[in-house]
Amino acid sequence: MRLGFIGLGVMGRPMALHLLRAGHELAVWARRPASCQPLLDAGATGVATPADVARRADVVFTMLTAGVDVQQVTFGPDGLAAGFAAHSVLIDMSTIAPQLARTLAQDLLARCAVEMLDAPVSGGAQGAIAATLAIMVGGKATVLERVRPLLEVLGRTLVHVGDYGAGQVAKACNQMLMVAAIQAVAEALHLSRAAGVAPAGVRQALAGGSAGSRVLDVMGGRMVARDFVAGVEARLHHKDYAIVIGEAHRLGVPLPVSTQVGQQLNALMAMGWGQNDTATLLRVLEAMEGAV
């Protein structure tokens, strides 16, 4: 198929390479031309604007940082909307607010006769590299079936959650659970150290019981090793939690645990650790106690 890809960062670059290696034509654009080079070296075609990506593709993928980026690339000057042919498909795999995903989908359909799927992912950079992402899809089931073979190139789990925005709701729920678990692990290991018990031993003991989890394994391991170099930068989880809290406010839904975790992420950002791994939530607890 003729494909386009915008958003060639840590996640988007390996995803775009998988699509290219699957035999599809691929047009790419990036704000920083250097980001395109690995794709160009692999056979992709570089173009001058997002509109040019849309002109050369029947299906365009976006994997961008924030909702404002998706909005700008889609409807800004020389945006995708200026180049799309009718009945093309936009698959946005970014993590953005559900209401914005709905608005973008409705506007694309009304203005351009273009369908959109919101298809955020879980699995991180390693999942993108290994093509084992969990993909949560919102939009029309018939559109998903058209592009299912493409998404199956990128992920191991593919679930149609519901209509426009439903994929983003699922991703918000994913982030709620995951980051709350990171905070819980940080508190458990912080408590163990304060009690004079080695966090490494506590983590090993917990891993064999009902508290065992991937978060305890990976993030707890980083906390024990005091390795706070970013796997996923904490600033991205902070951004995602702003989506969670914003959606809760919009719906009038109480989320007491998530609200508290959001405050811990706010503190992390205020301490200047946003480019560190989210395991740095342990250091936030230590700083609150004056024990950094």
C-alpha atoms as a PDB file:
ATOM      1  CA  MET A   1       0.000   0.000   0.000  1.00  0.00           C
ATOM      2  CA  ARG A   2       0.969   3.649  -0.312  1.00  0.00           C
ATOM      3  CA  LEU A   3       1.649   4.809   3.232  1.00  0.00           C
ATOM      4  CA  GLY A   4       2.809   7.941   5.000  1.00  0.00           C
ATOM      5  CA  PHE A   5       4.372   8.373   8.438  1.00  0.00           C
ATOM      6  CA  ILE A   6       4.877  11.507  10.541  1.00  0.00           C
ATOM      7  CA  GLY A   7       6.514  11.321  13.957  1.00  0.00           C
ATOM      8  CA  LEU A   8       9.858   9.566  13.640  1.00  0.00           C
ATOM      9  CA  GLY A   9      11.022   9.603  17.238  1.00  0.00           C
ATOM     10  CA  VAL A  10      11.928   6.794  19.618  1.00  0.00           C
ATOM     11  CA  MET A  11       8.604   5.044  18.972  1.00  0.00           C
ATOM     12  CA  GLY A  12       7.732   6.144  15.451  1.00  0.00           C
ATOM     13  CA  ARG A  13      11.032   5.350  13.758  1.00  0.00           C
ATOM     14  CA  PRO A  14      11.008   1.572  14.381  1.00  0.00           C
ATOM     15  CA  MET A  15       7.289   1.430  13.609  1.00  0.00           C
ATOM     16  CA  ALA A  16       7.812   3.147  10.256  1.00  0.00           C
ATOM     17  CA  LEU A  17      10.720   0.813   9.487  1.00  0.00           C
ATOM     18  CA  HIS A  18       8.508  -2.230  10.124  1.00  0.00           C
ATOM     19  CA  LEU A  19       5.958  -0.927   7.595  1.00  0.00           C
ATOM     20  CA  LEU A  20       8.664  -0.240   5.039  1.00  0.00           C
ATOM     21  CA  ARG A  21      10.213  -3.683   5.488  1.00  0.00           C
ATOM     22  CA  ALA A  22       6.780  -5.249   5.032  1.00  0.00           C
ATOM     23  CA  GLY A  23       6.954  -4.083   1.427  1.00  0.00           C
ATOM     24  CA  HIS A  24       4.858  -0.902   1.480  1.00  0.00           C
ATOM     25  CA  GLU A  25       5.725   2.390  -0.192  1.00  0.00           C
ATOM     26  CA  LEU A  26       6.394   4.988   2.504  1.00  0.00           C
ATOM     27  CA  ALA A  27       6.491   8.797   2.398  1.00  0.00           C
ATOM     28  CA  VAL A  28       7.897  10.559   5.471  1.00  0.00           C
ATOM     29  CA  TRP A  29       8.168  14.080   6.844  1.00  0.00           C
ATOM     30  CA  ALA A  30       9.674  15.461  10.039  1.00  0.00           C
ATOM     31  CA  ARG A  31      10.262  18.913  11.507  1.00  0.00           C
ATOM     32  CA  ARG A  32      13.929  17.921  11.861  1.00  0.00           C
ATOM     33  CA  PRO A  33      15.093  16.469   8.533  1.00  0.00           C
ATOM     34  CA  ALA A  34      17.736  14.360  10.305  1.00  0.00           C
ATOM     35  CA  SER A  35      14.923  12.318  11.872  1.00  0.00           C
ATOM     36  CA  CYS A  36      13.998  11.055   8.396  1.00  0.00           C
ATOM     37  CA  GLN A  37      17.461   9.834   7.461  1.00  0.00           C
ATOM     38  CA  PRO A  38      17.198   6.244   8.780  1.00  0.00           C
ATOM     39  CA  LEU A  39      13.959   5.844   6.808  1.00  0.00           C
ATOM     40  CA  LEU A  40      15.436   7.392   3.665  1.00  0.00           C
ATOM     41  CA  ASP A  41      18.400   5.043   3.952  1.00  0.00           C
ATOM     42  CA  ALA A  42      15.949   2.127   4.112  1.00  0.00           C
ATOM     43  CA  GLY A  43      14.065   3.226   0.981  1.00  0.00           C
ATOM     44  CA  ALA A  44      11.410   5.674   2.129  1.00  0.00           C
ATOM     45  CA  THR A  45      10.684   8.894   0.224  1.00  0.00           C
ATOM     46  CA  GLY A  46      11.172  12.209   1.997  1.00  0.00           C
ATOM     47  CA  VAL A  47       8.744  15.048   1.210  1.00  0.00           C
ATOM     48  CA  ALA A  48       8.543  18.752   2.024  1.00  0.00           C
ATOM     49  CA  THR A  49       5.285  19.044   3.989  1.00  0.00           C
ATOM     50  CA  PRO A  50       2.613  16.961   5.727  1.00  0.00           C
ATOM     51  CA  ALA A  51       0.305  17.777   2.806  1.00  0.00           C
ATOM     52  CA  ASP A  52       2.818  16.109   0.491  1.00  0.00           C
ATOM     53  CA  VAL A  53       2.759  13.008   2.707  1.00  0.00           C
ATOM     54  CA  ALA A  54      -1.024  12.852   2.329  1.00  0.00           C
ATOM     55  CA  ARG A  55      -0.813  13.315  -1.449  1.00  0.00           C
ATOM     56  CA  ARG A  56       1.458  10.264  -1.728  1.00  0.00           C
ATOM     57  CA  ALA A  57      -0.456   7.963   0.650  1.00  0.00           C
ATOM     58  CA  ASP A  58      -3.753   6.148   1.042  1.00  0.00           C
ATOM     59  CA  VAL A  59      -3.093   5.632   4.761  1.00  0.00           C
ATOM     60  CA  VAL A  60      -1.094   8.031   6.941  1.00  0.00           C
ATOM     61  CA  PHE A  61       0.249   7.244  10.419  1.00  0.00           C
ATOM     62  CA  THR A  62       1.043   9.904  12.999  1.00  0.00           C
ATOM     63  CA  MET A  63       3.022   9.245  16.197  1.00  0.00           C
ATOM     64  CA  LEU A  64       3.478  12.622  17.861  1.00  0.00           C
ATOM     65  CA  THR A  65       4.027  13.891  21.385  1.00  0.00           C
ATOM     66  CA  ALA A  66       0.930  15.939  22.152  1.00  0.00           C
ATOM     67  CA  GLY A  67      -2.539  16.772  20.907  1.00  0.00           C
ATOM     68  CA  VAL A  68      -1.489  20.219  19.703  1.00  0.00           C
ATOM     69  CA  ASP A  69       1.115  18.541  17.472  1.00  0.00           C
ATOM     70  CA  VAL A  70      -1.477  16.221  15.917  1.00  0.00           C
ATOM     71  CA  GLN A  71      -3.845  19.147  15.386  1.00  0.00           C
ATOM     72  CA  GLN A  72      -1.138  21.263  13.734  1.00  0.00           C
ATOM     73  CA  VAL A  73       0.095  18.473  11.454  1.00  0.00           C
ATOM     74  CA  THR A  74      -3.478  17.668  10.419  1.00  0.00           C
ATOM     75  CA  PHE A  75      -5.090  21.081   9.973  1.00  0.00           C
ATOM     76  CA  GLY A  76      -2.212  23.584  10.113  1.00  0.00           C
ATOM     77  CA  PRO A  77      -0.654  25.286   7.065  1.00  0.00           C
ATOM     78  CA  ASP A  78       0.331  22.615   4.533  1.00  0.00           C
ATOM     79  CA  GLY A  79      -1.206  20.063   6.860  1.00  0.00           C
ATOM     80  CA  LEU A  80      -2.450  16.616   5.984  1.00  0.00           C
ATOM     81  CA  ALA A  81      -5.961  17.885   5.310  1.00  0.00           C
ATOM     82  CA  ALA A  82      -4.633  19.949   2.390  1.00  0.00           C
ATOM     83  CA  GLY A  83      -3.317  16.832   0.640  1.00  0.00           C
ATOM     84  CA  PHE A  84      -5.679  13.996   1.512  1.00  0.00           C
ATOM     85  CA  ALA A  85      -7.768  12.410  -1.226  1.00  0.00           C
ATOM     86  CA  ALA A  86     -11.294  11.392  -0.257  1.00  0.00           C
ATOM     87  CA  HIS A  87     -11.582   8.022   1.492  1.00  0.00           C
ATOM     88  CA  SER A  88      -7.995   8.080   2.737  1.00  0.00           C
ATOM     89  CA  VAL A  89      -7.350   7.027   6.345  1.00  0.00           C
ATOM     90  CA  LEU A  90      -5.445   8.752   9.143  1.00  0.00           C
ATOM     91  CA  ILE A  91      -4.245   6.431  11.925  1.00  0.00           C
ATOM     92  CA  ASP A  92      -3.148   8.549  14.865  1.00  0.00           C
ATOM     93  CA  MET A  93      -1.067   6.456  17.258  1.00  0.00           C
ATOM     94  CA  SER A  94      -0.166   9.365  19.530  1.00  0.00           C
ATOM     95  CA  THR A  95      -1.522   9.685  23.067  1.00  0.00           C
ATOM     96  CA  ILE A  96      -3.922  12.641  23.099  1.00  0.00           C
ATOM     97  CA  ALA A  97      -7.153  13.651  24.843  1.00  0.00           C
ATOM     98  CA  PRO A  98     -10.181  11.537  23.850  1.00  0.00           C
ATOM     99  CA  GLN A  99     -12.310  14.594  23.118  1.00  0.00           C
ATOM    100  CA  LEU A 100      -9.661  16.004  20.777  1.00  0.00           C
ATOM    101  CA  ALA A 101      -9.473  12.657  18.950  1.00  0.00           C
ATOM    102  CA  ARG A 102     -13.251  12.753  18.442  1.00  0.00           C
ATOM    103  CA  THR A 103     -13.149  16.339  17.174  1.00  0.00           C
ATOM    104  CA  LEU A 104     -10.311  15.636  14.740  1.00  0.00           C
ATOM    105  CA  ALA A 105     -12.081  12.544  13.388  1.00  0.00           C
ATOM    106  CA  GLN A 106     -15.369  14.379  12.900  1.00  0.00           C
ATOM    107  CA  ASP A 107     -13.664  17.378  11.262  1.00  0.00           C
ATOM    108  CA  LEU A 108     -11.655  15.190   8.885  1.00  0.00           C
ATOM    109  CA  LEU A 109     -14.756  13.334   7.813  1.00  0.00           C
ATOM    110  CA  ALA A 110     -16.753  16.541   7.316  1.00  0.00           C
ATOM    111  CA  ARG A 111     -14.059  18.534   5.523  1.00  0.00           C
ATOM    112  CA  CYS A 112     -12.170  15.889   3.550  1.00  0.00           C
ATOM    113  CA  ALA A 113     -14.249  12.675   3.539  1.00  0.00           C
ATOM    114  CA  VAL A 114     -11.272  11.095   5.331  1.00  0.00           C
ATOM    115  CA  GLU A 115     -11.665   8.484   8.067  1.00  0.00           C
ATOM    116  CA  MET A 116      -9.586   8.505  11.232  1.00  0.00           C
ATOM    117  CA  LEU A 117      -8.705   5.875  13.792  1.00  0.00           C
ATOM    118  CA  ASP A 118      -7.260   6.788  17.172  1.00  0.00           C
ATOM    119  CA  ALA A 119      -4.883   3.914  17.874  1.00  0.00           C
ATOM    120  CA  PRO A 120      -2.568   4.661  20.817  1.00  0.00           C
ATOM    121  CA  VAL A 121      -0.174   1.960  21.947  1.00  0.00           C
ATOM    122  CA  SER A 122       1.375   0.434  25.035  1.00  0.00           C
ATOM    123  CA  GLY A 123       4.705  -1.351  25.147  1.00  0.00           C
ATOM    124  CA  GLY A 124       7.249   1.432  24.966  1.00  0.00           C
ATOM    125  CA  ALA A 125      10.283   1.676  22.724  1.00  0.00           C
ATOM    126  CA  GLN A 126      11.123  -2.013  23.116  1.00  0.00           C
ATOM    127  CA  GLY A 127       7.615  -2.964  22.025  1.00  0.00           C
ATOM    128  CA  ALA A 128       7.945  -0.707  18.988  1.00  0.00           C
ATOM    129  CA  ILE A 129      11.304  -2.255  18.067  1.00  0.00           C
ATOM    130  CA  ALA A 130      10.054  -5.814  18.556  1.00  0.00           C
ATOM    131  CA  ALA A 131       6.652  -5.120  16.903  1.00  0.00           C
ATOM    132  CA  THR A 132       4.880  -6.405  20.029  1.00  0.00           C
ATOM    133  CA  LEU A 133       2.852  -3.300  20.857  1.00  0.00           C
ATOM    134  CA  ALA A 134      -0.631  -3.450  22.355  1.00  0.00           C
ATOM    135  CA  ILE A 135      -2.811  -1.273  20.100  1.00  0.00           C
ATOM    136  CA  MET A 136      -6.111   0.193  21.339  1.00  0.00           C
ATOM    137  CA  VAL A 137      -8.336   1.375  18.508  1.00  0.00           C
ATOM    138  CA  GLY A 138     -11.191   3.845  18.394  1.00  0.00           C
ATOM    139  CA  GLY A 139     -13.191   4.504  15.227  1.00  0.00           C
ATOM    140  CA  LYS A 140     -15.323   2.606  12.757  1.00  0.00           C
ATOM    141  CA  ALA A 141     -14.932  -1.177  12.719  1.00  0.00           C
ATOM    142  CA  THR A 142     -15.136  -1.216   8.921  1.00  0.00           C
ATOM    143  CA  VAL A 143     -12.187   1.182   8.677  1.00  0.00           C
ATOM    144  CA  LEU A 144     -10.183  -0.903  11.120  1.00  0.00           C
ATOM    145  CA  GLU A 145     -10.715  -3.974   8.956  1.00  0.00           C
ATOM    146  CA  ARG A 146      -9.325  -2.082   5.941  1.00  0.00           C
ATOM    147  CA  VAL A 147      -6.068  -1.339   7.738  1.00  0.00           C
ATOM    148  CA  ARG A 148      -5.850  -4.310  10.139  1.00  0.00           C
ATOM    149  CA  PRO A 149      -2.971  -5.940   8.169  1.00  0.00           C
ATOM    150  CA  LEU A 150      -0.928  -2.753   8.623  1.00  0.00           C
ATOM    151  CA  LEU A 151      -1.515  -2.581  12.375  1.00  0.00           C
ATOM    152  CA  GLU A 152      -0.699  -6.273  12.708  1.00  0.00           C
ATOM    153  CA  VAL A 153       2.769  -5.445  11.364  1.00  0.00           C
ATOM    154  CA  LEU A 154       3.275  -3.209  14.415  1.00  0.00           C
ATOM    155  CA  GLY A 155       1.704  -5.023  17.334  1.00  0.00           C
ATOM    156  CA  ARG A 156       0.898  -8.314  18.951  1.00  0.00           C
ATOM    157  CA  THR A 157      -2.429  -7.268  20.518  1.00  0.00           C
ATOM    158  CA  LEU A 158      -5.048  -5.310  18.589  1.00  0.00           C
ATOM    159  CA  VAL A 159      -8.379  -4.440  20.219  1.00  0.00           C
ATOM    160  CA  HIS A 160     -11.230  -2.397  18.749  1.00  0.00           C
ATOM    161  CA  VAL A 161     -12.419  -0.561  21.868  1.00  0.00           C
ATOM    162  CA  GLY A 162     -15.253   1.474  20.333  1.00  0.00           C
ATOM    163  CA  ASP A 163     -16.089   4.602  18.347  1.00  0.00           C
ATOM    164  CA  TYR A 164     -13.954   7.730  17.867  1.00  0.00           C
ATOM    165  CA  GLY A 165     -11.924   8.501  20.993  1.00  0.00           C
ATOM    166  CA  ALA A 166     -12.393   5.085  22.583  1.00  0.00           C
ATOM    167  CA  GLY A 167      -8.799   4.095  21.923  1.00  0.00           C
ATOM    168  CA  GLN A 168      -7.633   7.205  23.779  1.00  0.00           C
ATOM    169  CA  VAL A 169      -9.929   6.408  26.710  1.00  0.00           C
ATOM    170  CA  ALA A 170      -8.336   2.959  26.929  1.00  0.00           C
ATOM    171  CA  LYS A 171      -4.844   4.485  26.779  1.00  0.00           C
ATOM    172  CA  ALA A 172      -5.718   6.935  29.569  1.00  0.00           C
ATOM    173  CA  CYS A 173      -6.865   3.988  31.694  1.00  0.00           C
ATOM    174  CA  ASN A 174      -3.629   2.154  30.862  1.00  0.00           C
ATOM    175  CA  GLN A 175      -1.535   5.085  32.016  1.00  0.00           C
ATOM    176  CA  MET A 176      -3.603   5.465  35.196  1.00  0.00           C
ATOM    177  CA  LEU A 177      -2.911   1.873  36.199  1.00  0.00           C
ATOM    178  CA  MET A 178       0.726   1.760  35.154  1.00  0.00           C
ATOM    179  CA  VAL A 179       1.947   4.999  36.731  1.00  0.00           C
ATOM    180  CA  ALA A 180      -0.075   4.411  39.912  1.00  0.00           C
ATOM    181  CA  ALA A 181       1.706   1.048  40.134  1.00  0.00           C
ATOM    182  CA  ILE A 182       5.087   2.775  39.692  1.00  0.00           C
ATOM    183  CA  GLN A 183       4.184   5.128  42.541  1.00  0.00           C
ATOM    184  CA  ALA A 184       3.101   2.180  44.705  1.00  0.00           C
ATOM    185  CA  VAL A 185       6.408   0.373  44.057  1.00  0.00           C
ATOM    186  CA  ALA A 186       8.323   3.549  44.925  1.00  0.00           C
ATOM    187  CA  GLU A 187       6.437   3.855  48.217  1.00  0.00           C
ATOM    188  CA  ALA A 188       6.959   0.183  49.101  1.00  0.00           C
ATOM    189  CA  LEU A 189      10.706   0.308  48.481  1.00  0.00           C
ATOM    190  CA  HIS A 190      10.999   3.667  50.241  1.00  0.00           C
ATOM    191  CA  LEU A 191       9.224   2.212  53.287  1.00  0.00           C
ATOM    192  CA  SER A 192      11.465  -0.853  53.312  1.00  0.00           C
ATOM    193  CA  ARG A 193      14.608   1.272  53.282  1.00  0.00           C
ATOM    194  CA  ALA A 194      13.270   3.491  56.069  1.00  0.00           C
ATOM    195  CA  ALA A 195      12.556   0.342  58.100  1.00  0.00           C
ATOM    196  CA  GLY A 196      16.142  -0.815  57.665  1.00  0.00           C
ATOM    197  CA  VAL A 197      15.321  -3.660  55.297  1.00  0.00           C
ATOM    198  CA  ALA A 198      17.161  -3.901  51.961  1.00  0.00           C
ATOM    199  CA  PRO A 199      14.827  -2.901  49.092  1.00  0.00           C
ATOM    200  CA  ALA A 200      16.436  -5.528  46.844  1.00  0.00           C
ATOM    201  CA  GLY A 201      15.340  -8.328  49.165  1.00  0.00           C
ATOM    202  CA  VAL A 202      11.848  -6.895  49.577  1.00  0.00           C
ATOM    203  CA  ARG A 203      11.434  -6.613  45.825  1.00  0.00           C
ATOM    204  CA  GLN A 204      12.571 -10.215  45.361  1.00  0.00           C
ATOM    205  CA  ALA A 205      10.123 -11.411  48.011  1.00  0.00           C
ATOM    206  CA  LEU A 206       7.202  -9.465  46.537  1.00  0.00           C
ATOM    207  CA  ALA A 207       7.908 -10.697  43.021  1.00  0.00           C
ATOM    208  CA  GLY A 208       6.996 -14.243  44.004  1.00  0.00           C
ATOM    209  CA  GLY A 209       3.557 -13.350  45.363  1.00  0.00           C
ATOM    210  CA  SER A 210       0.366 -11.590  44.378  1.00  0.00           C
ATOM    211  CA  ALA A 211       2.156  -8.206  44.245  1.00  0.00           C
ATOM    212  CA  GLY A 212       4.421  -9.456  41.471  1.00  0.00           C
ATOM    213  CA  SER A 213       4.097  -7.473  38.236  1.00  0.00           C
ATOM    214  CA  ARG A 214       6.022  -6.169  35.263  1.00  0.00           C
ATOM    215  CA  VAL A 215       6.130  -2.765  36.950  1.00  0.00           C
ATOM    216  CA  LEU A 216       7.713  -4.271  40.078  1.00  0.00           C
ATOM    217  CA  ASP A 217      10.154  -6.183  37.901  1.00  0.00           C
ATOM    218  CA  VAL A 218      11.247  -3.370  35.580  1.00  0.00           C
ATOM    219  CA  MET A 219      10.654  -0.161  37.514  1.00  0.00           C
ATOM    220  CA  GLY A 220      11.401  -1.706  40.878  1.00  0.00           C
ATOM    221  CA  GLY A 221      14.650  -3.024  39.426  1.00  0.00           C
ATOM    222  CA  ARG A 222      15.612   0.471  38.333  1.00  0.00           C
ATOM    223  CA  MET A 223      14.789   1.859  41.761  1.00  0.00           C
ATOM    224  CA  VAL A 224      16.870  -0.790  43.538  1.00  0.00           C
ATOM    225  CA  ALA A 225      19.789  -0.131  41.165  1.00  0.00           C
ATOM    226  CA  ARG A 226      19.146   3.623  41.396  1.00  0.00           C
ATOM    227  CA  ASP A 227      19.215   3.740  37.614  1.00  0.00           C
ATOM    228  CA  PHE A 228      17.074   6.731  36.708  1.00  0.00           C
ATOM    229  CA  VAL A 229      18.230   7.131  33.101  1.00  0.00           C
ATOM    230  CA  ALA A 230      15.101   7.379  30.985  1.00  0.00           C
ATOM    231  CA  GLY A 231      13.437   4.355  29.528  1.00  0.00           C
ATOM    232  CA  VAL A 232      10.356   6.513  29.089  1.00  0.00           C
ATOM    233  CA  GLU A 233      10.885  10.120  30.123  1.00  0.00           C
ATOM    234  CA  ALA A 234       8.760  11.063  33.125  1.00  0.00           C
ATOM    235  CA  ARG A 235       7.605  14.229  31.360  1.00  0.00           C
ATOM    236  CA  LEU A 236       5.593  12.049  28.964  1.00  0.00           C
ATOM    237  CA  HIS A 237       3.770  10.316  31.815  1.00  0.00           C
ATOM    238  CA  HIS A 238       3.173  13.765  33.330  1.00  0.00           C
ATOM    239  CA  LYS A 239       1.582  14.804  30.034  1.00  0.00           C
ATOM    240  CA  ASP A 240      -0.534  11.644  29.979  1.00  0.00           C
ATOM    241  CA  TYR A 241      -1.729  12.228  33.533  1.00  0.00           C
ATOM    242  CA  ALA A 242      -2.847  15.720  32.566  1.00  0.00           C
ATOM    243  CA  ILE A 243      -5.083  13.985  29.992  1.00  0.00           C
ATOM    244  CA  VAL A 244      -6.404  11.618  32.677  1.00  0.00           C
ATOM    245  CA  ILE A 245      -7.195  14.414  35.142  1.00  0.00           C
ATOM    246  CA  GLY A 246      -8.662  16.603  32.401  1.00  0.00           C
ATOM    247  CA  GLU A 247     -10.997  13.821  31.299  1.00  0.00           C
ATOM    248  CA  ALA A 248     -12.020  13.174  34.917  1.00  0.00           C
ATOM    249  CA  HIS A 249     -12.862  16.860  35.373  1.00  0.00           C
ATOM    250  CA  ARG A 250     -14.804  16.929  32.106  1.00  0.00           C
ATOM    251  CA  LEU A 251     -16.892  13.927  33.148  1.00  0.00           C
ATOM    252  CA  GLY A 252     -17.164  14.794  36.842  1.00  0.00           C
ATOM    253  CA  VAL A 253     -15.576  11.472  37.850  1.00  0.00           C
ATOM    254  CA  PRO A 254     -13.683  11.215  41.164  1.00  0.00           C
ATOM    255  CA  LEU A 255     -10.206   9.683  40.802  1.00  0.00           C
ATOM    256  CA  PRO A 256      -8.606  10.103  44.240  1.00  0.00           C
ATOM    257  CA  VAL A 257      -5.598   7.825  43.683  1.00  0.00           C
ATOM    258  CA  SER A 258      -4.853   9.214  40.226  1.00  0.00           C
ATOM    259  CA  THR A 259      -5.139  12.761  41.539  1.00  0.00           C
ATOM    260  CA  GLN A 260      -2.497  12.046  44.183  1.00  0.00           C
ATOM    261  CA  VAL A 261      -0.209  10.333  41.669  1.00  0.00           C
ATOM    262  CA  GLY A 262      -0.615  13.358  39.426  1.00  0.00           C
ATOM    263  CA  GLN A 263       0.596  15.581  42.270  1.00  0.00           C
ATOM    264  CA  GLN A 264       3.689  13.393  42.672  1.00  0.00           C
ATOM    265  CA  LEU A 265       4.386  13.785  38.958  1.00  0.00           C
ATOM    266  CA  ASN A 266       3.947  17.553  39.333  1.00  0.00           C
ATOM    267  CA  ALA A 267       6.548  17.493  42.116  1.00  0.00           C
ATOM    268  CA  LEU A 268       8.905  15.447  39.949  1.00  0.00           C
ATOM    269  CA  MET A 269       8.634  17.997  37.159  1.00  0.00           C
ATOM    270  CA  ALA A 270       9.170  20.891  39.590  1.00  0.00           C
ATOM    271  CA  MET A 271      12.398  19.235  40.760  1.00  0.00           C
ATOM    272  CA  GLY A 272      13.694  19.265  37.188  1.00  0.00           C
ATOM    273  CA  TRP A 273      13.634  15.491  36.659  1.00  0.00           C
ATOM    274  CA  GLY A 274      11.233  15.365  33.727  1.00  0.00           C
ATOM    275  CA  GLN A 275      13.830  13.875  31.362  1.00  0.00           C
ATOM    276  CA  ASN A 276      14.628  11.061  33.792  1.00  0.00           C
ATOM    277  CA  ASP A 277      12.769   7.762  33.996  1.00  0.00           C
ATOM    278  CA  THR A 278       9.468   7.659  35.872  1.00  0.00           C
ATOM    279  CA  ALA A 279      11.211   5.427  38.431  1.00  0.00           C
ATOM    280  CA  THR A 280      12.424   8.822  39.697  1.00  0.00           C
ATOM    281  CA  LEU A 281       9.157   8.954  41.669  1.00  0.00           C
ATOM    282  CA  LEU A 282      11.262   7.210  44.342  1.00  0.00           C
ATOM    283  CA  ARG A 283      13.540  10.261  44.509  1.00  0.00           C
ATOM    284  CA  VAL A 284      10.510  12.495  44.925  1.00  0.00           C
ATOM    285  CA  LEU A 285       9.589  10.577  48.087  1.00  0.00           C
ATOM    286  CA  GLU A 286      13.157  10.849  49.312  1.00  0.00           C
ATOM    287  CA  ALA A 287      13.207  14.584  48.643  1.00  0.00           C
ATOM    288  CA  MET A 288       9.964  15.015  50.556  1.00  0.00           C
ATOM    289  CA  GLU A 289      11.699  13.380  53.514  1.00  0.00           C
ATOM    290  CA  GLY A 290      14.892  15.384  52.973  1.00  0.00           C
ATOM    291  CA  ALA A 291      16.890  12.230  52.270  1.00  0.00           C
ATOM    292  CA  VAL A 292      18.118  12.715  48.693  1.00  0.00           C
END
